[in-house]
Amino acid sequence: MQAYCMKCRAKQEMKSPKKITMKNGKPATQGVCPKCGTKMFRIGKS
């Protein structure tokens, strides 16, 4: 799954994606950027 990395400023393929639920109850996907190691989020249906 692809997500936007804020540090690299580019779309990257998310490494080890996990389904999560945010505080407001919305679904999201959380993973790690393969280039820089920063957390990545993709909000919405995962």
N, C-alpha and C. Protein backbone atom coordinates (compact mmCIF):
# COMPACT_ATOMS: atom_id res chain seq x y z
N MET A 1 0.84 -1.18 0.00
CA MET A 1 0.00 0.00 0.00
C MET A 1 0.88 1.24 0.00
N GLN A 2 0.51 2.22 -0.79
CA GLN A 2 1.28 3.44 -0.87
C GLN A 2 0.73 4.51 0.06
N ALA A 3 1.63 5.34 0.57
CA ALA A 3 1.25 6.48 1.41
C ALA A 3 2.28 7.58 1.19
N TYR A 4 1.92 8.80 1.59
CA TYR A 4 2.80 9.95 1.40
C TYR A 4 3.73 10.08 2.61
N CYS A 5 5.03 10.16 2.36
CA CYS A 5 6.01 10.36 3.43
C CYS A 5 6.27 11.86 3.55
N MET A 6 6.06 12.41 4.74
CA MET A 6 6.24 13.84 4.95
C MET A 6 7.72 14.23 4.92
N LYS A 7 8.59 13.32 5.33
CA LYS A 7 10.02 13.62 5.36
C LYS A 7 10.64 13.55 3.96
N CYS A 8 10.31 12.51 3.20
CA CYS A 8 10.84 12.35 1.83
C CYS A 8 10.10 13.23 0.82
N ARG A 9 8.90 13.66 1.19
CA ARG A 9 8.01 14.44 0.32
C ARG A 9 7.71 13.69 -0.99
N ALA A 10 7.38 12.42 -0.86
CA ALA A 10 7.05 11.59 -2.01
C ALA A 10 6.19 10.41 -1.56
N LYS A 11 5.46 9.84 -2.51
CA LYS A 11 4.69 8.63 -2.22
C LYS A 11 5.65 7.45 -2.19
N GLN A 12 5.53 6.64 -1.16
CA GLN A 12 6.38 5.46 -0.99
C GLN A 12 5.50 4.25 -0.71
N GLU A 13 6.02 3.08 -0.97
CA GLU A 13 5.34 1.84 -0.63
C GLU A 13 5.52 1.62 0.88
N MET A 14 4.43 1.53 1.60
CA MET A 14 4.48 1.42 3.06
C MET A 14 5.05 0.07 3.49
N LYS A 15 5.95 0.10 4.44
CA LYS A 15 6.59 -1.12 4.96
C LYS A 15 5.87 -1.52 6.25
N SER A 16 5.56 -2.76 6.42
CA SER A 16 4.84 -3.35 7.56
C SER A 16 3.57 -2.56 7.93
N PRO A 17 2.58 -2.51 7.02
CA PRO A 17 1.35 -1.78 7.32
C PRO A 17 0.48 -2.50 8.35
N LYS A 18 -0.15 -1.71 9.24
CA LYS A 18 -1.05 -2.24 10.27
C LYS A 18 -2.34 -1.45 10.24
N LYS A 19 -3.46 -2.14 10.39
CA LYS A 19 -4.76 -1.47 10.48
C LYS A 19 -4.91 -0.92 11.89
N ILE A 20 -5.28 0.35 11.99
CA ILE A 20 -5.50 0.98 13.29
C ILE A 20 -6.81 1.76 13.26
N THR A 21 -7.26 2.18 14.43
CA THR A 21 -8.42 3.06 14.55
C THR A 21 -7.94 4.31 15.28
N MET A 22 -8.21 5.47 14.68
CA MET A 22 -7.78 6.73 15.29
C MET A 22 -8.68 7.08 16.47
N LYS A 23 -8.29 8.11 17.23
CA LYS A 23 -9.05 8.53 18.41
C LYS A 23 -10.49 8.88 18.09
N ASN A 24 -10.72 9.46 16.91
CA ASN A 24 -12.07 9.85 16.53
C ASN A 24 -12.89 8.69 15.96
N GLY A 25 -12.32 7.49 15.92
CA GLY A 25 -13.03 6.31 15.48
C GLY A 25 -12.88 5.97 14.01
N LYS A 26 -12.17 6.80 13.25
CA LYS A 26 -11.99 6.54 11.82
C LYS A 26 -10.88 5.50 11.61
N PRO A 27 -11.06 4.65 10.57
CA PRO A 27 -10.02 3.66 10.28
C PRO A 27 -8.83 4.29 9.57
N ALA A 28 -7.66 3.72 9.76
CA ALA A 28 -6.44 4.21 9.11
C ALA A 28 -5.44 3.06 9.01
N THR A 29 -4.39 3.30 8.25
CA THR A 29 -3.30 2.33 8.13
C THR A 29 -2.01 3.03 8.54
N GLN A 30 -1.24 2.39 9.38
CA GLN A 30 0.02 2.95 9.86
C GLN A 30 1.16 2.03 9.43
N GLY A 31 2.24 2.63 8.96
CA GLY A 31 3.39 1.85 8.54
C GLY A 31 4.67 2.66 8.69
N VAL A 32 5.72 2.20 8.03
CA VAL A 32 7.04 2.84 8.11
C VAL A 32 7.55 3.09 6.70
N CYS A 33 8.20 4.22 6.50
CA CYS A 33 8.81 4.54 5.21
C CYS A 33 10.05 3.68 5.02
N PRO A 34 10.19 3.01 3.87
CA PRO A 34 11.35 2.14 3.65
C PRO A 34 12.66 2.91 3.47
N LYS A 35 12.59 4.19 3.05
CA LYS A 35 13.81 4.97 2.82
C LYS A 35 14.35 5.63 4.09
N CYS A 36 13.45 6.32 4.84
CA CYS A 36 13.93 7.11 5.98
C CYS A 36 13.51 6.56 7.34
N GLY A 37 12.55 5.64 7.39
CA GLY A 37 12.14 5.04 8.65
C GLY A 37 11.10 5.84 9.43
N THR A 38 10.53 6.88 8.82
CA THR A 38 9.52 7.70 9.48
C THR A 38 8.17 6.99 9.45
N LYS A 39 7.34 7.24 10.49
CA LYS A 39 5.99 6.68 10.50
C LYS A 39 5.18 7.30 9.38
N MET A 40 4.35 6.46 8.73
CA MET A 40 3.47 6.92 7.66
C MET A 40 2.04 6.56 8.02
N PHE A 41 1.10 7.41 7.64
CA PHE A 41 -0.30 7.16 7.88
C PHE A 41 -1.09 7.31 6.59
N ARG A 42 -2.09 6.46 6.44
CA ARG A 42 -3.03 6.59 5.34
C ARG A 42 -4.42 6.51 5.96
N ILE A 43 -5.13 7.63 5.93
CA ILE A 43 -6.44 7.71 6.55
C ILE A 43 -7.49 7.19 5.58
N GLY A 44 -8.46 6.45 6.13
CA GLY A 44 -9.53 5.91 5.31
C GLY A 44 -9.55 4.39 5.39
N LYS A 45 -10.45 3.82 4.61
CA LYS A 45 -10.59 2.36 4.59
C LYS A 45 -9.29 1.70 4.17
N SER A 46 -8.87 0.71 4.96
CA SER A 46 -7.58 0.07 4.68
C SER A 46 -7.72 -1.30 4.07
